[in-house]
Structures are given as C-alpha cells and as structure tokens.
Amino acid sequence: MTAYLPGHIELTRKEQGCIFFEVAPTQDPLIWSVEERFTDPAAFRAHQERGASSVWGRMTSAITRDYTISGLD
C-alpha cells in the first residue's frame, strides 16, 4: 500500500476543491489516519470517484475503510 500512497496524496492535493489532505500512520501499523477537507460535497464526491478508479483505488480495494464523514448534507 505505501508504494502507492505518495501518488495518491499528490493527485488528491491537486484536485479542484481539495483544501486539505493528510495521511498518517498510527501506532498500529495496520491503521492509518486520513484527514481531508473539500470545498463542498461535489468536490468530495469527485475525489471519491477519482480515488476509486485510480491505481491507488485498485491496489487498495481490499483494505477496509472506516470513515466518519460530515458536512455532506
């Protein structure tokens, strides 16, 4: 997974509407913290779609994601 992370971070930060995107390891090597902010729900949804169809998305599709998402109402 980590081999694909720098490219994913770079592409995400270049996305229209990306305000902040940070990925950091935790004390558990199998758990990573992801914090991201986008200008609006449409920008976030576009990010989710781009990420899922990217090399990152394909190579990490088997990894469980456990998100708390706010601000999409």
C-alpha atoms as a PDB file:
ATOM      1  CA  MET A   1       0.000   0.000   0.000  1.00  0.00           C
ATOM      2  CA  THR A   2       2.638   2.548   0.953  1.00  0.00           C
ATOM      3  CA  ALA A   3       4.209   2.412  -2.515  1.00  0.00           C
ATOM      4  CA  TYR A   4       1.039   3.918  -3.987  1.00  0.00           C
ATOM      5  CA  LEU A   5       0.412   6.469  -1.252  1.00  0.00           C
ATOM      6  CA  PRO A   6       2.659   9.360  -2.422  1.00  0.00           C
ATOM      7  CA  GLY A   7       0.998   9.414  -5.841  1.00  0.00           C
ATOM      8  CA  HIS A   8      -2.462   9.296  -4.290  1.00  0.00           C
ATOM      9  CA  ILE A   9      -1.641  12.182  -1.960  1.00  0.00           C
ATOM     10  CA  GLU A  10      -0.174  14.264  -4.792  1.00  0.00           C
ATOM     11  CA  LEU A  11      -3.165  13.729  -7.086  1.00  0.00           C
ATOM     12  CA  THR A  12      -5.650  14.397  -4.297  1.00  0.00           C
ATOM     13  CA  ARG A  13      -3.999  17.663  -3.284  1.00  0.00           C
ATOM     14  CA  LYS A  14      -4.197  18.818  -6.932  1.00  0.00           C
ATOM     15  CA  GLU A  15      -7.931  18.107  -7.181  1.00  0.00           C
ATOM     16  CA  GLN A  16     -10.226  21.052  -7.611  1.00  0.00           C
ATOM     17  CA  GLY A  17     -11.863  21.722  -4.254  1.00  0.00           C
ATOM     18  CA  CYS A  18      -9.248  19.999  -2.083  1.00  0.00           C
ATOM     19  CA  ILE A  19      -8.483  22.215   0.913  1.00  0.00           C
ATOM     20  CA  PHE A  20      -6.509  19.727   2.995  1.00  0.00           C
ATOM     21  CA  PHE A  21      -5.439  16.090   2.655  1.00  0.00           C
ATOM     22  CA  GLU A  22      -3.204  14.273   5.115  1.00  0.00           C
ATOM     23  CA  VAL A  23      -2.489  10.576   5.658  1.00  0.00           C
ATOM     24  CA  ALA A  24      -0.508   9.485   8.696  1.00  0.00           C
ATOM     25  CA  PRO A  25       0.371   6.156  10.285  1.00  0.00           C
ATOM     26  CA  THR A  26      -0.881   5.388  13.775  1.00  0.00           C
ATOM     27  CA  GLN A  27       0.726   3.277  16.482  1.00  0.00           C
ATOM     28  CA  ASP A  28      -0.931   0.266  14.866  1.00  0.00           C
ATOM     29  CA  PRO A  29       0.902  -0.371  11.569  1.00  0.00           C
ATOM     30  CA  LEU A  30      -2.331  -1.667  10.021  1.00  0.00           C
ATOM     31  CA  ILE A  31      -4.281   1.519  10.761  1.00  0.00           C
ATOM     32  CA  TRP A  32      -3.749   4.869   9.075  1.00  0.00           C
ATOM     33  CA  SER A  33      -5.366   8.191   9.893  1.00  0.00           C
ATOM     34  CA  VAL A  34      -6.795  10.147   6.969  1.00  0.00           C
ATOM     35  CA  GLU A  35      -7.967  13.728   7.338  1.00  0.00           C
ATOM     36  CA  GLU A  36      -9.376  15.510   4.335  1.00  0.00           C
ATOM     37  CA  ARG A  37     -11.341  18.668   3.654  1.00  0.00           C
ATOM     38  CA  PHE A  38     -13.020  19.751   0.446  1.00  0.00           C
ATOM     39  CA  THR A  39     -14.816  22.952  -0.507  1.00  0.00           C
ATOM     40  CA  ASP A  40     -18.176  21.270  -0.979  1.00  0.00           C
ATOM     41  CA  PRO A  41     -19.908  17.885  -1.254  1.00  0.00           C
ATOM     42  CA  ALA A  42     -19.465  17.788  -5.044  1.00  0.00           C
ATOM     43  CA  ALA A  43     -15.683  18.174  -4.730  1.00  0.00           C
ATOM     44  CA  PHE A  44     -15.583  15.403  -2.127  1.00  0.00           C
ATOM     45  CA  ARG A  45     -17.681  13.074  -4.273  1.00  0.00           C
ATOM     46  CA  ALA A  46     -15.440  13.776  -7.278  1.00  0.00           C
ATOM     47  CA  HIS A  47     -12.450  12.887  -5.105  1.00  0.00           C
ATOM     48  CA  GLN A  48     -14.068   9.624  -4.035  1.00  0.00           C
ATOM     49  CA  GLU A  49     -14.780   8.696  -7.658  1.00  0.00           C
ATOM     50  CA  ARG A  50     -11.284   9.602  -8.865  1.00  0.00           C
ATOM     51  CA  GLY A  51      -9.668   7.758  -5.989  1.00  0.00           C
ATOM     52  CA  ALA A  52     -11.694   4.598  -6.525  1.00  0.00           C
ATOM     53  CA  SER A  53     -10.790   4.418 -10.206  1.00  0.00           C
ATOM     54  CA  SER A  54      -7.095   5.268  -9.709  1.00  0.00           C
ATOM     55  CA  VAL A  55      -4.132   2.924  -9.308  1.00  0.00           C
ATOM     56  CA  TRP A  56      -4.367   3.643  -5.572  1.00  0.00           C
ATOM     57  CA  GLY A  57      -8.028   2.666  -5.515  1.00  0.00           C
ATOM     58  CA  ARG A  58      -7.488  -0.539  -7.441  1.00  0.00           C
ATOM     59  CA  MET A  59      -4.417  -1.633  -5.479  1.00  0.00           C
ATOM     60  CA  THR A  60      -6.008  -0.942  -2.082  1.00  0.00           C
ATOM     61  CA  SER A  61      -9.577  -2.042  -2.822  1.00  0.00           C
ATOM     62  CA  ALA A  62      -9.347  -4.961  -0.367  1.00  0.00           C
ATOM     63  CA  ILE A  63      -8.449  -2.676   2.548  1.00  0.00           C
ATOM     64  CA  THR A  64     -11.322  -1.948   4.918  1.00  0.00           C
ATOM     65  CA  ARG A  65     -12.153   1.723   5.220  1.00  0.00           C
ATOM     66  CA  ASP A  66     -13.850   3.014   8.355  1.00  0.00           C
ATOM     67  CA  TYR A  67     -14.729   6.691   7.838  1.00  0.00           C
ATOM     68  CA  THR A  68     -16.554   9.363   9.724  1.00  0.00           C
ATOM     69  CA  ILE A  69     -17.820  11.832   7.146  1.00  0.00           C
ATOM     70  CA  SER A  70     -19.504  15.107   7.981  1.00  0.00           C
ATOM     71  CA  GLY A  71     -20.770  18.083   6.037  1.00  0.00           C
ATOM     72  CA  LEU A  72     -22.408  16.317   3.109  1.00  0.00           C
ATOM     73  CA  ASP A  73     -25.984  17.286   3.969  1.00  0.00           C
END
